[in-house]
Amino acid sequence: MSKEKVVLAYSGGLDTSVCVKWLQEEMNLDVIAVLGNVGQEHDGLEKIKEKALSLGVVACEVVDMRQEFVDQYVSCAIAANAMYENKYPLLSALSRPLISAHLVQAAHKYGATCIAHGCTGKGNDQVRFETSIMTLDPSLKVIAPVREWDLGMRPDEIAYAKKHGVPVPVTTEAPYSIDDNLWGRAIEAGVLEDPWNEPPADIWTMTVDPAEAPDTPTYVEVGFEKGIPCSLDGEKMGMVELIEKMNKIAGENGYGRIDMIENRYVGLKSRECYEVPAGLALIAAHKALEDLCLERDVLHAKLSLEQAWADQVYNGRWFSPYKQAIDAFMASTQDMVSGTIKLKFYKGSCVVAGRKSACALYDQNLATYDNDDAFDQKAAKGFIDIQALSLKTWAIKKSQVAQQQETSSVKLDVVSGTCPACDQAVNY
């Protein structure tokens, strides 16, 4: 009798390597490993595949998801200027629904009834994977071995790995938990768990210490077409290459570090450090171009929806109808967002140094304070009177009511006052 199949989101690390054996030994399942390349650091995806096969998986698929990641996920994040809690540009949260979609595809391909992941019960990723999978195919069962097994803390997990021949070169002294993709790096745990501790220098790998960055500014011109970054300094390139180059330029200038206390969806606060050089720079550039090109009411409405979009994605609701509805609005705003933004990087900072666009709604002839401006200042009086009419009406009525109340109060005092003559008559 054939075994049931499970598709595992595999990374090659300790947790997912032990997951393979746990699913085989404890649940008697055939394991199909899916390894997604979303631009993360690695020692070789083929080596990781060989490791999975050595653990006895029946198949291991290595999927290059980078182009899909930027075309369908990062581009949407840029359009939404996505910053969870106005700080974090959603690097991990963006990759999880993409990986989930490929896990579901693999389950359909191999006839698997289950999907497994290596997330803990304290993090956001478990929510993101399981919510995405549940939305894409509600019939699939999700198994979370790390959440379900009785292995206690990491030393017990390492002991289990050694017992079952899992070749994991790790020690109990591994200082940090790191997740990364093309969009950036997330670092947590270790000494970072004490929010009073300054992040050690060794956690940063994409960015130089701002104090050691070049002593002269670096200028970069970012070109956009309908909201999509498409060129650097006039050179056209695809988004994967553009993000890689921007990561290098911004990182060399010490820009892109985040150290924050973050509100996780599961209800606890965590201390997180991020490196997102390209993400922060491109979102800053995109926002500046929108300021130049979007009509005021559209821009204001968009600002009110950007945090909602970030919340939906952070909370694992990428495929929700609400998030998709916001996507439709965001997409409709981008037709006019074409032009060039000049960024200035200097010792850990990034500022917008210039902006230009054929779609700009900024009109220098209207905005100038020179004598030959095109703005009809005489029209301002009528505009002010009309827009303030409701407030003027309210103010007049408020004054009238106050006067009436004051008059009524005076009359009441006269009626209820003491009459000395009457007092004398009564007392007499």
Protein backbone atom coordinates (compact mmCIF):
# COMPACT_ATOMS: atom_id res chain seq x y z
CA MET A 1 0.00 0.00 0.00
CA SER A 2 1.46 3.36 -1.04
CA LYS A 3 2.06 6.04 1.54
CA GLU A 4 0.37 9.41 1.60
CA LYS A 5 2.49 12.24 0.24
CA VAL A 6 3.35 15.54 1.85
CA VAL A 7 4.96 18.57 0.20
CA LEU A 8 7.50 20.28 2.46
CA ALA A 9 8.73 23.87 2.15
CA TYR A 10 12.43 23.02 2.39
CA SER A 11 15.32 25.40 3.03
CA GLY A 12 18.16 23.03 3.94
CA GLY A 13 18.45 24.38 7.48
CA LEU A 14 18.09 22.55 10.77
CA ASP A 15 14.33 22.88 11.19
CA THR A 16 13.27 21.71 7.74
CA SER A 17 15.94 18.99 7.60
CA VAL A 18 14.64 17.52 10.84
CA CYS A 19 11.11 17.97 9.49
CA VAL A 20 11.92 15.54 6.68
CA LYS A 21 12.82 12.76 9.12
CA TRP A 22 9.97 13.60 11.48
CA LEU A 23 7.42 13.38 8.67
CA GLN A 24 8.95 10.09 7.52
CA GLU A 25 9.43 8.46 10.91
CA GLU A 26 6.59 9.84 13.01
CA MET A 27 3.86 10.24 10.38
CA ASN A 28 4.89 7.59 7.83
CA LEU A 29 4.66 9.99 4.89
CA ASP A 30 6.53 10.24 1.60
CA VAL A 31 8.12 13.69 1.44
CA ILE A 32 8.40 15.92 -1.62
CA ALA A 33 10.71 18.86 -0.92
CA VAL A 34 10.21 22.21 -2.64
CA LEU A 35 13.09 24.67 -2.49
CA GLY A 36 12.29 28.17 -3.69
CA ASN A 37 14.93 30.61 -4.90
CA VAL A 38 13.68 34.07 -3.96
CA GLY A 39 17.14 35.61 -4.04
CA GLN A 40 18.33 34.43 -0.63
CA GLU A 41 21.98 33.84 0.27
CA HIS A 42 22.96 30.20 -0.16
CA ASP A 43 25.95 27.94 -0.68
CA GLY A 44 24.43 26.35 -3.77
CA LEU A 45 20.86 25.28 -4.38
CA GLU A 46 21.99 22.03 -6.00
CA LYS A 47 23.91 21.14 -2.83
CA ILE A 48 20.76 21.75 -0.81
CA LYS A 49 18.84 19.54 -3.23
CA GLU A 50 21.43 16.78 -2.81
CA LYS A 51 21.05 17.09 0.95
CA ALA A 52 17.28 16.68 0.70
CA LEU A 53 17.65 13.62 -1.52
CA SER A 54 20.16 12.13 0.92
CA LEU A 55 17.50 12.41 3.62
CA GLY A 56 15.21 10.17 1.59
CA VAL A 57 12.73 12.57 0.00
CA VAL A 58 11.00 11.01 -2.99
CA ALA A 59 11.49 14.21 -5.02
CA CYS A 60 13.03 17.64 -4.63
CA GLU A 61 12.05 20.54 -6.83
CA VAL A 62 14.25 23.65 -7.02
CA VAL A 63 12.18 26.54 -8.33
CA ASP A 64 13.66 29.87 -9.42
CA MET A 65 10.97 32.27 -8.20
CA ARG A 66 12.95 35.52 -8.49
CA GLN A 67 11.31 36.92 -11.61
CA GLU A 68 7.85 36.01 -10.40
CA PHE A 69 8.73 37.48 -7.00
CA VAL A 70 9.55 40.90 -8.43
CA ASP A 71 6.88 40.95 -11.15
CA GLN A 72 3.89 39.88 -9.06
CA TYR A 73 4.85 40.62 -5.47
CA VAL A 74 7.57 43.27 -5.10
CA SER A 75 6.02 45.43 -7.83
CA CYS A 76 2.72 45.42 -5.92
CA ALA A 77 4.56 46.37 -2.73
CA ILE A 78 6.21 49.31 -4.49
CA ALA A 79 2.87 50.45 -5.92
CA ALA A 80 1.45 50.38 -2.38
CA ASN A 81 4.56 51.98 -0.82
CA ALA A 82 4.29 49.05 1.58
CA MET A 83 5.73 49.78 5.02
CA TYR A 84 4.29 47.82 7.94
CA GLU A 85 3.96 50.20 10.91
CA ASN A 86 5.55 52.82 8.62
CA LYS A 87 8.96 51.17 9.06
CA TYR A 88 9.24 47.67 7.62
CA PRO A 89 8.94 47.01 3.86
CA LEU A 90 7.62 43.47 4.22
CA LEU A 91 10.48 41.37 2.88
CA SER A 92 9.57 38.02 4.50
CA ALA A 93 5.84 38.61 4.26
CA LEU A 94 6.12 39.12 0.50
CA SER A 95 7.79 35.79 -0.24
CA ARG A 96 5.51 33.53 1.82
CA PRO A 97 2.41 33.65 -0.41
CA LEU A 98 4.59 33.05 -3.48
CA ILE A 99 6.21 30.00 -1.90
CA SER A 100 2.79 28.82 -0.73
CA ALA A 101 1.44 28.98 -4.27
CA HIS A 102 4.28 26.77 -5.51
CA LEU A 103 3.73 24.33 -2.64
CA VAL A 104 0.09 23.98 -3.67
CA GLN A 105 1.13 23.47 -7.31
CA ALA A 106 3.54 20.72 -6.24
CA ALA A 107 0.83 19.07 -4.14
CA HIS A 108 -1.44 18.94 -7.17
CA LYS A 109 1.39 17.67 -9.39
CA TYR A 110 2.39 14.80 -7.08
CA GLY A 111 -1.05 14.01 -5.68
CA ALA A 112 -0.10 15.02 -2.14
CA THR A 113 -2.79 15.45 0.47
CA CYS A 114 -0.71 17.52 2.89
CA ILE A 115 1.68 20.46 2.95
CA ALA A 116 4.24 20.97 5.72
CA HIS A 117 6.39 23.91 6.81
CA GLY A 118 9.13 24.43 9.40
CA CYS A 119 7.74 27.50 11.17
CA THR A 120 7.49 27.80 14.93
CA GLY A 121 4.29 28.48 16.85
CA LYS A 122 5.40 31.97 17.90
CA GLY A 123 6.01 33.64 14.55
CA ASN A 124 4.04 35.24 11.74
CA ASP A 125 5.20 32.87 8.99
CA GLN A 126 3.03 29.99 10.17
CA VAL A 127 0.01 32.26 9.69
CA ARG A 128 1.18 33.39 6.26
CA PHE A 129 1.83 29.89 4.93
CA GLU A 130 -1.29 28.28 6.32
CA THR A 131 -3.67 31.12 5.45
CA SER A 132 -2.34 31.21 1.88
CA ILE A 133 -2.56 27.43 1.47
CA MET A 134 -6.04 27.36 2.99
CA THR A 135 -7.20 30.06 0.57
CA LEU A 136 -5.64 28.46 -2.52
CA ASP A 137 -6.85 24.91 -1.78
CA PRO A 138 -8.99 24.37 1.33
CA SER A 139 -8.86 20.58 0.84
CA LEU A 140 -5.14 20.36 1.65
CA LYS A 141 -4.13 19.54 5.21
CA VAL A 142 -1.29 21.56 6.73
CA ILE A 143 1.26 19.96 9.06
CA ALA A 144 3.53 22.10 11.24
CA PRO A 145 6.11 19.65 12.67
CA VAL A 146 8.07 22.22 14.69
CA ARG A 147 4.83 23.31 16.33
CA GLU A 148 3.62 19.76 16.89
CA TRP A 149 6.65 17.68 17.81
CA ASP A 150 7.72 17.14 21.39
CA LEU A 151 11.39 18.01 21.00
CA GLY A 152 11.57 20.86 23.47
CA MET A 153 14.25 23.45 22.74
CA ARG A 154 16.91 23.53 20.00
CA PRO A 155 19.40 21.18 21.78
CA ASP A 156 16.71 18.47 21.68
CA GLU A 157 16.18 19.15 18.00
CA ILE A 158 19.91 18.79 17.31
CA ALA A 159 19.95 15.52 19.24
CA TYR A 160 17.05 14.25 17.13
CA ALA A 161 18.93 15.26 13.98
CA LYS A 162 22.04 13.35 15.03
CA LYS A 163 20.01 10.30 15.99
CA HIS A 164 18.41 10.15 12.53
CA GLY A 165 21.53 10.94 10.53
CA VAL A 166 20.61 14.46 9.50
CA PRO A 167 23.86 16.18 8.37
CA VAL A 168 23.28 19.61 9.87
CA PRO A 169 26.51 21.55 10.58
CA VAL A 170 25.12 23.70 13.38
CA THR A 171 25.89 24.23 17.05
CA THR A 172 23.77 25.37 19.96
CA GLU A 173 25.73 28.63 19.82
CA ALA A 174 24.21 29.81 16.52
CA PRO A 175 23.58 33.44 17.52
CA TYR A 176 20.85 34.73 15.24
CA SER A 177 17.83 33.69 13.23
CA ILE A 178 18.12 35.07 9.70
CA ASP A 179 15.69 35.13 6.78
CA ASP A 180 16.53 36.81 3.50
CA ASN A 181 15.48 37.24 -0.09
CA LEU A 182 16.13 39.60 -2.99
CA TRP A 183 14.32 42.41 -1.15
CA GLY A 184 16.49 42.23 2.00
CA ARG A 185 17.42 40.47 5.26
CA ALA A 186 15.65 39.94 8.58
CA ILE A 187 17.71 39.28 11.74
CA GLU A 188 16.36 38.35 15.17
CA ALA A 189 17.07 36.39 18.38
CA GLY A 190 20.33 36.13 20.34
CA VAL A 191 21.45 39.35 22.01
CA LEU A 192 18.83 41.24 19.99
CA GLU A 193 16.10 39.87 22.26
CA ASP A 194 17.11 42.47 24.86
CA PRO A 195 15.84 45.74 23.35
CA TRP A 196 18.45 47.68 25.33
CA ASN A 197 21.32 46.00 23.48
CA GLU A 198 22.73 47.82 20.49
CA PRO A 199 22.77 45.54 17.43
CA PRO A 200 26.27 44.00 17.10
CA ALA A 201 28.21 44.99 14.00
CA ASP A 202 28.33 41.41 12.75
CA ILE A 203 24.58 41.21 12.07
CA TRP A 204 24.88 43.61 9.14
CA THR A 205 26.09 42.11 5.85
CA MET A 206 24.36 44.19 3.17
CA THR A 207 25.24 47.61 4.56
CA VAL A 208 28.49 49.19 5.72
CA ASP A 209 28.72 51.15 8.95
CA PRO A 210 27.45 54.64 8.01
CA ALA A 211 30.48 56.15 9.75
CA GLU A 212 32.72 54.21 7.35
CA ALA A 213 30.72 55.00 4.22
CA PRO A 214 32.26 57.21 1.49
CA ASP A 215 32.93 60.83 2.41
CA THR A 216 31.29 62.09 -0.78
CA PRO A 217 27.62 61.67 -1.73
CA THR A 218 26.48 59.16 -4.35
CA TYR A 219 23.72 60.24 -6.73
CA VAL A 220 21.49 57.76 -8.53
CA GLU A 221 18.68 58.47 -10.98
CA VAL A 222 15.84 55.94 -10.81
CA GLY A 223 13.51 55.75 -13.80
CA PHE A 224 9.90 54.56 -13.45
CA GLU A 225 7.32 53.50 -16.02
CA LYS A 226 3.76 53.26 -14.70
CA GLY A 227 5.04 52.85 -11.16
CA ILE A 228 7.62 50.16 -11.98
CA PRO A 229 11.33 50.96 -11.53
CA CYS A 230 12.92 50.29 -14.91
CA SER A 231 16.27 52.09 -15.11
CA LEU A 232 19.26 53.31 -13.11
CA ASP A 233 21.13 56.36 -14.38
CA GLY A 234 19.38 56.02 -17.72
CA GLU A 235 20.30 52.36 -18.24
CA LYS A 236 17.25 50.16 -18.79
CA MET A 237 17.22 46.90 -16.84
CA GLY A 238 14.89 44.29 -15.41
CA MET A 239 13.74 44.56 -11.82
CA VAL A 240 15.84 41.67 -10.52
CA GLU A 241 19.05 43.29 -11.78
CA LEU A 242 17.89 46.75 -10.73
CA ILE A 243 17.18 45.66 -7.15
CA GLU A 244 20.53 43.85 -6.93
CA LYS A 245 22.38 46.96 -8.12
CA MET A 246 20.42 49.28 -5.86
CA ASN A 247 21.13 47.01 -2.89
CA LYS A 248 24.83 47.36 -3.65
CA ILE A 249 24.81 51.13 -4.17
CA ALA A 250 22.68 51.93 -1.13
CA GLY A 251 24.44 49.36 1.05
CA GLU A 252 27.88 50.74 0.21
CA ASN A 253 26.65 54.11 1.48
CA GLY A 254 25.43 52.65 4.78
CA TYR A 255 21.75 53.03 3.93
CA GLY A 256 19.00 50.50 4.59
CA ARG A 257 19.18 49.48 8.27
CA ILE A 258 16.10 49.14 10.46
CA ASP A 259 16.00 48.37 14.20
CA MET A 260 12.45 48.25 15.53
CA ILE A 261 10.03 46.83 18.04
CA GLU A 262 7.43 45.12 15.89
CA ASN A 263 3.88 44.07 16.70
CA ARG A 264 3.51 40.51 15.47
CA TYR A 265 0.14 39.32 14.25
CA VAL A 266 0.16 36.52 16.83
CA GLY A 267 -0.09 39.11 19.60
CA LEU A 268 3.42 39.64 20.95
CA LYS A 269 6.04 42.31 20.41
CA SER A 270 9.42 41.34 19.00
CA ARG A 271 12.70 43.13 18.41
CA GLU A 272 13.60 42.91 14.73
CA CYS A 273 16.52 44.18 12.69
CA TYR A 274 16.31 44.47 8.92
CA GLU A 275 18.54 45.40 6.02
CA VAL A 276 16.49 46.62 3.07
CA PRO A 277 18.70 49.04 1.10
CA ALA A 278 16.97 48.78 -2.28
CA GLY A 279 13.49 48.44 -0.82
CA LEU A 280 13.68 51.58 1.30
CA ALA A 281 15.32 53.59 -1.48
CA LEU A 282 12.89 52.51 -4.22
CA ILE A 283 9.83 53.13 -2.06
CA ALA A 284 11.14 56.60 -1.17
CA ALA A 285 11.68 57.33 -4.87
CA HIS A 286 8.27 55.97 -5.83
CA LYS A 287 6.52 58.07 -3.17
CA ALA A 288 8.31 61.18 -4.42
CA LEU A 289 7.18 60.50 -7.99
CA GLU A 290 3.59 59.97 -6.86
CA ASP A 291 3.68 63.31 -5.03
CA LEU A 292 4.61 64.88 -8.36
CA CYS A 293 2.13 63.03 -10.57
CA LEU A 294 -0.99 61.98 -8.66
CA GLU A 295 -4.09 64.14 -8.31
CA ARG A 296 -4.61 65.31 -4.73
CA ASP A 297 -7.75 63.33 -3.82
CA VAL A 298 -6.34 60.15 -5.38
CA LEU A 299 -3.08 60.61 -3.48
CA HIS A 300 -4.88 61.17 -0.17
CA ALA A 301 -7.16 58.16 -0.69
CA LYS A 302 -4.14 56.05 -1.60
CA LEU A 303 -2.29 57.10 1.56
CA SER A 304 -5.23 55.90 3.66
CA LEU A 305 -5.15 52.47 1.97
CA GLU A 306 -1.40 51.88 2.01
CA GLN A 307 -1.31 50.86 5.67
CA ALA A 308 -4.33 48.61 5.16
CA TRP A 309 -2.50 46.89 2.28
CA ALA A 310 0.64 46.44 4.41
CA ASP A 311 -1.43 45.03 7.28
CA GLN A 312 -3.17 42.53 5.01
CA VAL A 313 0.13 41.27 3.60
CA TYR A 314 1.92 41.23 6.96
CA ASN A 315 -0.97 39.21 8.41
CA GLY A 316 -0.78 36.59 5.65
CA ARG A 317 -3.86 37.66 3.74
CA TRP A 318 -2.24 38.11 0.31
CA PHE A 319 -5.05 36.25 -1.47
CA SER A 320 -7.92 37.90 0.45
CA PRO A 321 -10.65 39.70 -1.54
CA TYR A 322 -10.01 42.87 0.47
CA LYS A 323 -6.32 42.92 -0.42
CA GLN A 324 -7.12 42.18 -4.06
CA ALA A 325 -9.62 45.05 -4.10
CA ILE A 326 -6.94 47.39 -2.75
CA ASP A 327 -4.57 46.05 -5.43
CA ALA A 328 -7.08 47.04 -8.10
CA PHE A 329 -7.21 50.58 -6.74
CA MET A 330 -3.42 50.78 -6.45
CA ALA A 331 -2.98 49.57 -10.04
CA SER A 332 -5.43 52.19 -11.31
CA THR A 333 -3.30 54.96 -9.79
CA GLN A 334 -0.06 53.99 -11.50
CA ASP A 335 -0.77 54.90 -15.14
CA MET A 336 0.60 58.42 -14.62
CA VAL A 337 3.49 57.45 -12.33
CA SER A 338 6.28 57.68 -14.89
CA GLY A 339 9.40 59.78 -14.62
CA THR A 340 12.80 60.02 -12.95
CA ILE A 341 13.79 60.55 -9.33
CA LYS A 342 17.30 61.59 -8.31
CA LEU A 343 18.42 60.07 -5.00
CA LYS A 344 21.34 61.25 -2.90
CA PHE A 345 23.03 58.69 -0.64
CA TYR A 346 25.39 59.88 2.06
CA LYS A 347 26.61 58.10 5.20
CA GLY A 348 23.46 56.19 6.03
CA SER A 349 20.95 58.63 4.59
CA CYS A 350 18.93 58.73 1.40
CA VAL A 351 17.11 61.87 0.30
CA VAL A 352 15.27 62.84 -2.85
CA ALA A 353 17.46 65.40 -4.61
CA GLY A 354 15.43 65.91 -7.78
CA ARG A 355 12.32 64.83 -9.66
CA LYS A 356 11.01 65.15 -13.22
CA SER A 357 8.14 63.68 -15.21
CA ALA A 358 6.18 64.33 -18.39
CA CYS A 359 3.14 63.36 -16.29
CA ALA A 360 3.84 65.87 -13.52
CA LEU A 361 0.85 67.79 -12.20
CA TYR A 362 3.26 70.30 -10.71
CA ASP A 363 3.16 73.40 -12.93
CA GLN A 364 5.95 75.86 -12.32
CA ASN A 365 3.99 78.61 -14.09
CA LEU A 366 1.25 78.22 -11.49
CA ALA A 367 3.50 77.65 -8.49
CA THR A 368 6.03 80.45 -9.11
CA TYR A 369 6.02 83.65 -7.07
CA ASP A 370 7.44 85.65 -9.98
CA ASN A 371 5.40 88.51 -11.42
CA ASP A 372 4.58 86.62 -14.62
CA ASP A 373 2.88 83.68 -12.89
CA ALA A 374 -0.22 82.13 -14.49
CA PHE A 375 -2.20 81.88 -11.27
CA ASP A 376 -5.19 84.26 -11.07
CA GLN A 377 -4.85 85.55 -7.53
CA LYS A 378 -8.13 87.49 -7.80
CA ALA A 379 -9.95 84.17 -8.03
CA ALA A 380 -8.73 83.30 -4.54
CA LYS A 381 -11.27 85.59 -2.82
CA GLY A 382 -14.27 83.83 -4.33
CA PHE A 383 -12.75 80.41 -3.62
CA ILE A 384 -12.15 81.31 0.03
CA ASP A 385 -15.68 82.69 0.48
CA ILE A 386 -17.35 79.62 -1.02
CA GLN A 387 -15.21 76.99 0.72
CA ALA A 388 -15.64 78.76 4.08
CA LEU A 389 -19.38 79.44 3.68
CA SER A 390 -20.50 76.54 5.85
CA LEU A 391 -18.10 77.55 8.62
CA LYS A 392 -19.18 81.19 8.37
CA THR A 393 -22.86 80.17 8.61
CA TRP A 394 -22.09 77.99 11.63
CA ALA A 395 -20.12 80.78 13.35
CA ILE A 396 -22.96 83.32 12.86
CA LYS A 397 -25.57 80.92 14.21
CA LYS A 398 -23.35 80.00 17.16
CA SER A 399 -22.99 83.70 18.05
CA GLN A 400 -26.77 84.27 17.77
CA VAL A 401 -27.55 81.31 20.03
CA ALA A 402 -25.00 82.49 22.58
CA GLN A 403 -26.58 85.98 22.64
CA GLN A 404 -30.07 84.51 23.07
CA GLN A 405 -28.90 82.35 25.96
CA GLU A 406 -27.23 85.35 27.59
CA THR A 407 -30.45 87.44 27.28
CA SER A 408 -32.55 84.63 28.74
CA SER A 409 -30.17 84.33 31.66
CA VAL A 410 -30.42 88.08 32.45
CA LYS A 411 -34.24 87.96 32.42
CA LEU A 412 -34.25 84.96 34.71
CA ASP A 413 -32.02 86.75 37.21
CA VAL A 414 -34.42 89.75 37.31
CA VAL A 415 -37.48 87.57 37.93
CA SER A 416 -35.87 85.53 40.67
CA GLY A 417 -34.10 88.45 42.40
CA THR A 418 -34.91 89.63 45.97
CA CYS A 419 -37.19 92.66 46.40
CA PRO A 420 -36.26 94.65 49.55
CA ALA A 421 -39.74 96.23 49.76
CA CYS A 422 -41.40 92.82 49.73
CA ASP A 423 -38.97 91.58 52.33
CA GLN A 424 -39.84 94.53 54.50
CA ALA A 425 -43.58 93.95 54.04
CA VAL A 426 -43.29 90.29 54.87
CA ASN A 427 -41.01 90.87 57.81
CA TYR A 428 -43.21 93.65 59.12
